[in-house]
Amino acid sequence: MDEHKILARLFYLLIQADGKVDHRELAMGNTMLIHEKLDQSKFEAFMARMEDCPKHQLIKECINELKMLDTTKQIQYMAWMCLIANADGFMDAREWALIFQIYHKGLNLDKKAIMKRQLEIKTALGKTKANDQL
């Protein structure tokens, strides 16, 4: 299973959900790529291929691919989506609806586990930024 493809699909769906692509969401996406050790050019190539795909098809494929991963990885990826959606200071209702559709309806994941992982990632990122400033 190509994790670039899954994360690219999730990211693409999320940044398109509210009809506007925010630079802070893109920056958090780049942070995700670095943290997850993913190749940016490969990631962007996958995203470019999605522009002509219907949204409902992308969501269905995304859920099916996520189901092939273990629960820990599913939670990790959904935590990233929450961080990205909140990167601009506000999670739009359409972003939340997409996240909910995937994590709850599609994967039946525990919201508390996602929130816990989101906090862990956020804390780790804060430590990394502090180290970068030294």
Protein backbone atom coordinates (compact mmCIF):
# COMPACT_ATOMS: atom_id res chain seq x y z
CA MET A 1 0.00 0.00 0.00
CA ASP A 2 1.46 3.35 -1.03
CA GLU A 3 1.11 5.75 1.87
CA HIS A 4 1.88 8.70 -0.42
CA LYS A 5 -1.27 7.91 -2.34
CA ILE A 6 -3.49 7.60 0.74
CA LEU A 7 -2.22 10.78 2.38
CA ALA A 8 -2.33 12.68 -0.91
CA ARG A 9 -5.94 11.67 -1.39
CA LEU A 10 -6.87 12.66 2.18
CA PHE A 11 -5.00 15.94 1.90
CA TYR A 12 -6.48 16.79 -1.48
CA LEU A 13 -10.02 16.10 -0.28
CA LEU A 14 -9.48 18.15 2.86
CA ILE A 15 -7.95 21.26 1.31
CA GLN A 16 -10.70 21.29 -1.32
CA ALA A 17 -13.55 20.69 1.18
CA ASP A 18 -14.30 24.32 2.04
CA GLY A 19 -13.73 25.71 -1.44
CA LYS A 20 -10.59 27.65 -0.55
CA VAL A 21 -7.02 26.48 -0.21
CA ASP A 22 -5.35 28.27 2.70
CA HIS A 23 -1.57 28.75 2.79
CA ARG A 24 -1.47 27.66 6.45
CA GLU A 25 -3.15 24.36 5.56
CA LEU A 26 -0.60 23.86 2.79
CA ALA A 27 2.22 24.62 5.23
CA MET A 28 0.87 22.05 7.70
CA GLY A 29 0.64 19.59 4.82
CA ASN A 30 4.34 20.16 4.12
CA THR A 31 5.05 19.61 7.82
CA MET A 32 3.15 16.32 7.59
CA LEU A 33 5.29 15.26 4.62
CA ILE A 34 8.47 15.96 6.54
CA HIS A 35 7.23 14.28 9.72
CA GLU A 36 5.98 11.21 7.85
CA LYS A 37 9.18 11.14 5.74
CA LEU A 38 7.33 11.26 2.43
CA ASP A 39 8.72 12.47 -0.88
CA GLN A 40 7.12 15.79 -1.83
CA SER A 41 7.36 15.34 -5.60
CA LYS A 42 5.74 11.90 -5.43
CA PHE A 43 3.03 13.28 -3.14
CA GLU A 44 2.33 16.20 -5.48
CA ALA A 45 2.21 13.88 -8.50
CA PHE A 46 -0.52 11.84 -6.81
CA MET A 47 -2.43 15.02 -5.95
CA ALA A 48 -2.28 16.26 -9.54
CA ARG A 49 -3.93 13.06 -10.75
CA MET A 50 -6.96 13.68 -8.54
CA GLU A 51 -8.08 16.93 -10.09
CA ASP A 52 -10.37 15.23 -12.59
CA CYS A 53 -11.78 12.58 -10.24
CA PRO A 54 -15.26 12.97 -8.74
CA LYS A 55 -15.18 13.72 -5.01
CA HIS A 56 -17.42 10.79 -4.05
CA GLN A 57 -15.09 8.39 -5.88
CA LEU A 58 -12.02 9.81 -4.14
CA ILE A 59 -13.68 9.44 -0.73
CA LYS A 60 -14.69 5.85 -1.44
CA GLU A 61 -11.20 4.92 -2.67
CA CYS A 62 -9.64 6.69 0.29
CA ILE A 63 -11.75 4.80 2.84
CA ASN A 64 -11.08 1.49 1.10
CA GLU A 65 -7.32 2.11 1.14
CA LEU A 66 -7.37 3.25 4.76
CA LYS A 67 -9.16 0.05 5.71
CA MET A 68 -6.11 -1.87 4.49
CA LEU A 69 -3.94 -0.12 7.08
CA ASP A 70 -3.76 -0.95 10.76
CA THR A 71 -5.81 1.13 13.21
CA THR A 72 -2.75 2.97 14.53
CA LYS A 73 -1.93 4.26 11.05
CA GLN A 74 -5.57 5.18 10.39
CA ILE A 75 -5.64 7.22 13.61
CA GLN A 76 -2.33 8.86 12.70
CA TYR A 77 -3.62 9.96 9.32
CA MET A 78 -6.92 11.24 10.67
CA ALA A 79 -5.05 13.18 13.36
CA TRP A 80 -3.03 14.85 10.61
CA MET A 81 -6.23 15.76 8.79
CA CYS A 82 -7.56 17.44 11.93
CA LEU A 83 -4.30 19.37 12.37
CA ILE A 84 -4.38 20.49 8.76
CA ALA A 85 -8.04 21.51 8.93
CA ASN A 86 -7.30 23.58 12.04
CA ALA A 87 -4.09 25.12 10.66
CA ASP A 88 -5.92 28.23 9.48
CA GLY A 89 -7.41 28.73 12.95
CA PHE A 90 -10.83 27.31 12.11
CA MET A 91 -12.20 23.97 11.00
CA ASP A 92 -14.89 24.66 8.45
CA ALA A 93 -18.11 22.62 8.78
CA ARG A 94 -17.41 21.03 5.38
CA GLU A 95 -13.95 19.98 6.52
CA TRP A 96 -15.43 18.49 9.68
CA ALA A 97 -18.13 16.69 7.66
CA LEU A 98 -15.44 15.10 5.47
CA ILE A 99 -13.30 14.06 8.43
CA PHE A 100 -16.36 12.66 10.24
CA GLN A 101 -17.48 10.76 7.15
CA ILE A 102 -14.10 9.08 6.87
CA TYR A 103 -13.15 8.40 10.49
CA HIS A 104 -16.59 7.61 11.90
CA LYS A 105 -18.79 6.33 9.11
CA GLY A 106 -16.04 4.81 6.97
CA LEU A 107 -13.55 3.50 9.52
CA ASN A 108 -15.44 3.47 12.83
CA LEU A 109 -12.48 4.99 14.67
CA ASP A 110 -12.57 6.36 18.21
CA LYS A 111 -12.66 10.17 18.24
CA LYS A 112 -10.76 10.30 21.55
CA ALA A 113 -7.91 8.25 20.08
CA ILE A 114 -7.66 10.67 17.14
CA MET A 115 -7.69 13.68 19.46
CA LYS A 116 -5.01 12.10 21.66
CA ARG A 117 -2.79 11.39 18.66
CA GLN A 118 -3.39 14.90 17.33
CA LEU A 119 -2.13 16.35 20.62
CA GLU A 120 0.92 14.04 20.55
CA ILE A 121 1.81 15.17 17.04
CA LYS A 122 1.26 18.82 17.93
CA THR A 123 3.50 18.44 20.98
CA ALA A 124 6.21 16.73 18.92
CA LEU A 125 6.04 19.48 16.31
CA GLY A 126 6.38 22.13 19.01
CA LYS A 127 9.52 20.42 20.32
CA THR A 128 10.95 20.24 16.80
CA LYS A 129 10.32 23.96 16.18
CA ALA A 130 11.92 24.83 19.53
CA ASN A 131 15.00 22.75 18.61
CA ASP A 132 15.17 24.45 15.19
CA GLN A 133 15.37 27.84 16.90
CA LEU A 134 18.41 26.89 19.04
